[in-house]
Each structure stands twice: as structure tokens, then as C-alpha cells.
Amino acid sequence: MREELFWDRDPGSVPPEIEIERAINFGGFDYIKKIQKKNSMKKFIDVLLNSRNLSRKTVTYWCLKLHIDRMKTTTFKTNTIWTPIRYPRLKSTRSHSL
């Protein structure tokens, strides 16, 4: 277990779902391989499909990798609380020549 991912919990009492979530979001490929061996691939996919605490970017990656429709995941079924607003750039009316 990578203890730096579980600074807020007792390392001995981390549920498998939380360990898989954090591995998906913050762990490297080596750590994810360990998690997949420690737990079943079925459990890994179950967390991927049902967790609300995964980033869209990581869910997209793993769904592509595992040939899963990302729209079936809880991450993509729920509305996001905050979506960044991208304002169009304003054209400058000033001349920048000195």
C-alpha cells in the first residue's frame, strides 16, 4: 500500500473500494497492477463504474483501455457541481507599438 495516498486514514483499515479509487486517481501503473492483483479485476471495474470520487479524465482513460462505455459510469451519469467557464478573448483596441 502506498501510504502517501492514505495520509487521512489508518493504513490498516482502508476498505478495498477506497484503495482502488485512490489507485485509479493518483497511483501509477505499477501500483494499479498491484491493486488489480490484490483485488479482482471484477472489483476494479465495479469501482470504476460505481464510484463518485473519480476524475473524468481517469475514468475516460480506463474505460478506453477496458472497452467500457464511459457513459455507463457514475462519474459521467452525474452532473458536475462546477464547470469552468471559458470566456472568449477580448480583442485589444490599443496599439502595442512604442
N, C-alpha and C. Protein backbone atom coordinates (compact mmCIF):
# COMPACT_ATOMS: atom_id res chain seq x y z
N MET A 1 0.84 -1.18 0.00
CA MET A 1 0.00 0.00 0.00
C MET A 1 0.89 1.24 0.00
N ARG A 2 0.54 2.19 -0.85
CA ARG A 2 1.28 3.46 -0.87
C ARG A 2 0.68 4.37 0.18
N GLU A 3 1.39 4.49 1.30
CA GLU A 3 0.86 5.23 2.44
C GLU A 3 0.62 6.70 2.15
N GLU A 4 1.36 7.29 1.20
CA GLU A 4 1.16 8.71 0.91
C GLU A 4 -0.22 8.98 0.30
N LEU A 5 -0.86 7.97 -0.23
CA LEU A 5 -2.21 8.13 -0.77
C LEU A 5 -3.28 8.05 0.32
N PHE A 6 -2.88 7.60 1.50
CA PHE A 6 -3.85 7.37 2.58
C PHE A 6 -3.44 8.11 3.85
N TRP A 7 -2.96 9.32 3.69
CA TRP A 7 -2.50 10.13 4.82
C TRP A 7 -3.63 10.43 5.80
N ASP A 8 -4.87 10.39 5.34
CA ASP A 8 -6.02 10.74 6.17
C ASP A 8 -6.68 9.54 6.83
N ARG A 9 -6.10 8.35 6.64
CA ARG A 9 -6.70 7.12 7.18
C ARG A 9 -5.66 6.25 7.83
N ASP A 10 -6.14 5.36 8.67
CA ASP A 10 -5.26 4.33 9.24
C ASP A 10 -4.98 3.32 8.13
N PRO A 11 -3.71 3.12 7.75
CA PRO A 11 -3.40 2.22 6.63
C PRO A 11 -3.93 0.79 6.80
N GLY A 12 -4.15 0.37 8.02
CA GLY A 12 -4.65 -0.99 8.25
C GLY A 12 -6.15 -1.15 8.06
N SER A 13 -6.85 -0.03 7.98
CA SER A 13 -8.32 -0.13 7.91
C SER A 13 -8.91 0.52 6.65
N VAL A 14 -8.16 0.53 5.57
CA VAL A 14 -8.65 1.12 4.33
C VAL A 14 -9.47 0.07 3.56
N PRO A 15 -10.74 0.39 3.28
CA PRO A 15 -11.56 -0.56 2.51
C PRO A 15 -11.01 -0.71 1.08
N PRO A 16 -11.21 -1.85 0.47
CA PRO A 16 -10.70 -2.07 -0.89
C PRO A 16 -11.21 -1.05 -1.90
N GLU A 17 -12.46 -0.61 -1.74
CA GLU A 17 -13.03 0.37 -2.68
C GLU A 17 -12.25 1.69 -2.65
N ILE A 18 -11.88 2.14 -1.45
CA ILE A 18 -11.13 3.38 -1.30
C ILE A 18 -9.72 3.21 -1.87
N GLU A 19 -9.12 2.07 -1.62
CA GLU A 19 -7.78 1.81 -2.14
C GLU A 19 -7.80 1.80 -3.67
N ILE A 20 -8.81 1.20 -4.25
CA ILE A 20 -8.92 1.17 -5.72
C ILE A 20 -9.18 2.57 -6.27
N GLU A 21 -10.07 3.32 -5.63
CA GLU A 21 -10.35 4.70 -6.06
C GLU A 21 -9.08 5.53 -6.11
N ARG A 22 -8.34 5.49 -5.04
CA ARG A 22 -7.13 6.32 -4.97
C ARG A 22 -6.05 5.82 -5.93
N ALA A 23 -6.01 4.53 -6.14
CA ALA A 23 -5.06 3.99 -7.12
C ALA A 23 -5.42 4.49 -8.51
N ILE A 24 -6.71 4.49 -8.84
CA ILE A 24 -7.15 4.95 -10.15
C ILE A 24 -6.85 6.44 -10.32
N ASN A 25 -7.16 7.24 -9.31
CA ASN A 25 -6.97 8.68 -9.41
C ASN A 25 -5.52 9.13 -9.30
N PHE A 26 -4.76 8.53 -8.38
CA PHE A 26 -3.44 9.08 -8.06
C PHE A 26 -2.28 8.10 -8.17
N GLY A 27 -2.56 6.82 -8.30
CA GLY A 27 -1.49 5.83 -8.33
C GLY A 27 -0.90 5.69 -9.72
N GLY A 28 0.30 5.22 -9.78
CA GLY A 28 0.93 4.97 -11.06
C GLY A 28 0.52 3.60 -11.58
N PHE A 29 1.01 3.27 -12.78
CA PHE A 29 0.64 2.00 -13.40
C PHE A 29 1.12 0.80 -12.58
N ASP A 30 2.30 0.91 -11.96
CA ASP A 30 2.80 -0.21 -11.13
C ASP A 30 1.89 -0.47 -9.95
N TYR A 31 1.45 0.61 -9.30
CA TYR A 31 0.56 0.46 -8.15
C TYR A 31 -0.79 -0.09 -8.58
N ILE A 32 -1.29 0.33 -9.71
CA ILE A 32 -2.57 -0.16 -10.20
C ILE A 32 -2.48 -1.65 -10.52
N LYS A 33 -1.36 -2.09 -11.06
CA LYS A 33 -1.18 -3.54 -11.31
C LYS A 33 -1.24 -4.32 -10.00
N LYS A 34 -0.60 -3.79 -8.95
CA LYS A 34 -0.65 -4.45 -7.64
C LYS A 34 -2.08 -4.53 -7.12
N ILE A 35 -2.80 -3.42 -7.28
CA ILE A 35 -4.19 -3.37 -6.81
C ILE A 35 -5.05 -4.37 -7.58
N GLN A 36 -4.82 -4.46 -8.89
CA GLN A 36 -5.60 -5.41 -9.70
C GLN A 36 -5.30 -6.85 -9.32
N LYS A 37 -4.06 -7.13 -8.92
CA LYS A 37 -3.71 -8.48 -8.47
C LYS A 37 -4.28 -8.76 -7.08
N LYS A 38 -4.20 -7.75 -6.21
CA LYS A 38 -4.68 -7.90 -4.83
C LYS A 38 -6.20 -8.11 -4.80
N ASN A 39 -6.91 -7.32 -5.59
CA ASN A 39 -8.36 -7.44 -5.71
C ASN A 39 -8.64 -8.04 -7.09
N SER A 40 -9.82 -8.43 -7.33
CA SER A 40 -10.14 -8.99 -8.64
C SER A 40 -10.35 -7.87 -9.67
N MET A 41 -10.21 -8.22 -10.92
CA MET A 41 -10.48 -7.26 -11.98
C MET A 41 -11.96 -6.86 -11.97
N LYS A 42 -12.80 -7.80 -11.56
CA LYS A 42 -14.23 -7.51 -11.43
C LYS A 42 -14.46 -6.39 -10.42
N LYS A 43 -13.76 -6.45 -9.30
CA LYS A 43 -13.88 -5.41 -8.27
C LYS A 43 -13.36 -4.07 -8.79
N PHE A 44 -12.24 -4.10 -9.52
CA PHE A 44 -11.67 -2.89 -10.12
C PHE A 44 -12.69 -2.23 -11.06
N ILE A 45 -13.31 -3.02 -11.91
CA ILE A 45 -14.30 -2.50 -12.85
C ILE A 45 -15.55 -2.01 -12.11
N ASP A 46 -15.94 -2.71 -11.06
CA ASP A 46 -17.10 -2.30 -10.26
C ASP A 46 -16.86 -0.91 -9.66
N VAL A 47 -15.68 -0.68 -9.12
CA VAL A 47 -15.35 0.64 -8.55
C VAL A 47 -15.31 1.68 -9.67
N LEU A 48 -14.73 1.34 -10.80
CA LEU A 48 -14.67 2.26 -11.94
C LEU A 48 -16.07 2.67 -12.39
N LEU A 49 -16.99 1.74 -12.40
CA LEU A 49 -18.36 2.03 -12.85
C LEU A 49 -19.19 2.77 -11.81
N ASN A 50 -18.95 2.49 -10.51
CA ASN A 50 -19.87 2.99 -9.48
C ASN A 50 -19.35 4.08 -8.56
N SER A 51 -18.09 4.40 -8.61
CA SER A 51 -17.55 5.40 -7.70
C SER A 51 -17.89 6.82 -8.16
N ARG A 52 -18.21 7.67 -7.19
CA ARG A 52 -18.48 9.08 -7.47
C ARG A 52 -17.22 9.93 -7.27
N ASN A 53 -16.13 9.31 -6.81
CA ASN A 53 -14.94 10.07 -6.45
C ASN A 53 -13.81 9.96 -7.46
N LEU A 54 -14.12 9.64 -8.68
CA LEU A 54 -13.09 9.50 -9.70
C LEU A 54 -13.14 10.67 -10.68
N SER A 55 -11.98 11.06 -11.16
CA SER A 55 -11.95 12.16 -12.12
C SER A 55 -12.40 11.67 -13.48
N ARG A 56 -12.98 12.56 -14.25
CA ARG A 56 -13.45 12.21 -15.59
C ARG A 56 -12.30 11.78 -16.49
N LYS A 57 -11.17 12.40 -16.29
CA LYS A 57 -10.01 12.08 -17.12
C LYS A 57 -9.56 10.64 -16.90
N THR A 58 -9.46 10.21 -15.64
CA THR A 58 -9.02 8.84 -15.38
C THR A 58 -10.08 7.82 -15.76
N VAL A 59 -11.35 8.16 -15.56
CA VAL A 59 -12.42 7.25 -15.96
C VAL A 59 -12.40 7.08 -17.48
N THR A 60 -12.21 8.16 -18.21
CA THR A 60 -12.13 8.08 -19.66
C THR A 60 -11.00 7.17 -20.10
N TYR A 61 -9.83 7.34 -19.47
CA TYR A 61 -8.68 6.51 -19.83
C TYR A 61 -8.97 5.03 -19.60
N TRP A 62 -9.43 4.69 -18.39
CA TRP A 62 -9.64 3.28 -18.07
C TRP A 62 -10.80 2.67 -18.85
N CYS A 63 -11.80 3.47 -19.17
CA CYS A 63 -12.89 2.95 -19.99
C CYS A 63 -12.40 2.65 -21.41
N LEU A 64 -11.55 3.51 -21.95
CA LEU A 64 -10.96 3.22 -23.26
C LEU A 64 -10.11 1.96 -23.21
N LYS A 65 -9.30 1.86 -22.17
CA LYS A 65 -8.39 0.73 -22.01
C LYS A 65 -9.14 -0.59 -21.85
N LEU A 66 -10.26 -0.55 -21.12
CA LEU A 66 -11.01 -1.78 -20.80
C LEU A 66 -12.24 -1.97 -21.70
N HIS A 67 -12.40 -1.11 -22.70
CA HIS A 67 -13.52 -1.21 -23.65
C HIS A 67 -14.88 -1.15 -22.95
N ILE A 68 -15.02 -0.13 -22.12
CA ILE A 68 -16.27 0.10 -21.38
C ILE A 68 -16.83 1.44 -21.85
N ASP A 69 -18.14 1.52 -22.00
CA ASP A 69 -18.78 2.78 -22.35
C ASP A 69 -18.74 3.70 -21.13
N ARG A 70 -18.03 4.81 -21.25
CA ARG A 70 -17.87 5.70 -20.09
C ARG A 70 -19.18 6.32 -19.63
N MET A 71 -20.16 6.38 -20.51
CA MET A 71 -21.45 6.95 -20.12
C MET A 71 -22.22 6.04 -19.16
N LYS A 72 -21.75 4.82 -18.97
CA LYS A 72 -22.36 3.90 -18.01
C LYS A 72 -21.77 4.07 -16.61
N THR A 73 -20.75 4.91 -16.48
CA THR A 73 -20.13 5.12 -15.17
C THR A 73 -20.87 6.19 -14.39
N THR A 74 -20.81 6.09 -13.09
CA THR A 74 -21.44 7.10 -12.22
C THR A 74 -20.80 8.46 -12.43
N THR A 75 -19.52 8.48 -12.71
CA THR A 75 -18.82 9.75 -12.94
C THR A 75 -19.45 10.53 -14.08
N PHE A 76 -19.86 9.86 -15.13
CA PHE A 76 -20.44 10.55 -16.27
C PHE A 76 -21.97 10.61 -16.23
N LYS A 77 -22.59 9.85 -15.34
CA LYS A 77 -24.04 9.92 -15.19
C LYS A 77 -24.46 11.12 -14.35
N THR A 78 -23.61 11.52 -13.42
CA THR A 78 -23.96 12.62 -12.53
C THR A 78 -23.49 13.94 -13.10
N ASN A 79 -24.23 14.98 -12.81
CA ASN A 79 -23.83 16.31 -13.23
C ASN A 79 -22.70 16.81 -12.36
N THR A 80 -21.81 17.55 -12.96
CA THR A 80 -20.73 18.11 -12.17
C THR A 80 -21.24 19.33 -11.42
N ILE A 81 -20.65 19.57 -10.28
CA ILE A 81 -21.04 20.72 -9.47
C ILE A 81 -20.53 22.01 -10.10
N TRP A 82 -19.34 21.94 -10.65
CA TRP A 82 -18.71 23.14 -11.19
C TRP A 82 -18.11 22.83 -12.55
N THR A 83 -18.44 23.65 -13.51
CA THR A 83 -17.85 23.54 -14.83
C THR A 83 -17.16 24.86 -15.13
N PRO A 84 -15.91 24.82 -15.53
CA PRO A 84 -15.23 26.08 -15.80
C PRO A 84 -15.87 26.82 -16.97
N ILE A 85 -15.95 28.12 -16.83
CA ILE A 85 -16.49 28.95 -17.90
C ILE A 85 -15.31 29.51 -18.68
N ARG A 86 -15.36 29.35 -19.95
CA ARG A 86 -14.30 29.87 -20.80
C ARG A 86 -14.84 31.10 -21.53
N TYR A 87 -14.33 32.25 -21.13
CA TYR A 87 -14.75 33.48 -21.77
C TYR A 87 -13.92 33.69 -23.04
N PRO A 88 -14.55 34.21 -24.10
CA PRO A 88 -13.77 34.47 -25.31
C PRO A 88 -12.77 35.59 -25.05
N ARG A 89 -11.65 35.51 -25.70
CA ARG A 89 -10.64 36.56 -25.54
C ARG A 89 -11.14 37.84 -26.17
N LEU A 90 -10.95 38.93 -25.44
CA LEU A 90 -11.33 40.23 -25.97
C LEU A 90 -10.21 40.75 -26.86
N LYS A 91 -10.59 41.33 -27.95
CA LYS A 91 -9.59 41.90 -28.84
C LYS A 91 -9.15 43.24 -28.25
N SER A 92 -7.86 43.43 -28.24
CA SER A 92 -7.31 44.67 -27.71
C SER A 92 -7.49 45.78 -28.73
N THR A 93 -7.91 46.93 -28.24
CA THR A 93 -8.07 48.08 -29.13
C THR A 93 -6.85 48.99 -29.08
N ARG A 94 -5.96 48.71 -28.15
CA ARG A 94 -4.74 49.51 -28.02
C ARG A 94 -3.65 49.00 -28.94
N SER A 95 -2.85 49.92 -29.37
CA SER A 95 -1.69 49.55 -30.17
C SER A 95 -0.53 49.32 -29.22
N HIS A 96 0.22 48.26 -29.41
CA HIS A 96 1.33 47.92 -28.51
C HIS A 96 2.67 48.42 -29.02
N SER A 97 2.67 49.22 -30.04
CA SER A 97 3.97 49.72 -30.51
C SER A 97 4.39 50.93 -29.69
N LEU A 98 5.66 51.01 -29.45
CA LEU A 98 6.17 52.13 -28.66
C LEU A 98 6.86 53.13 -29.51
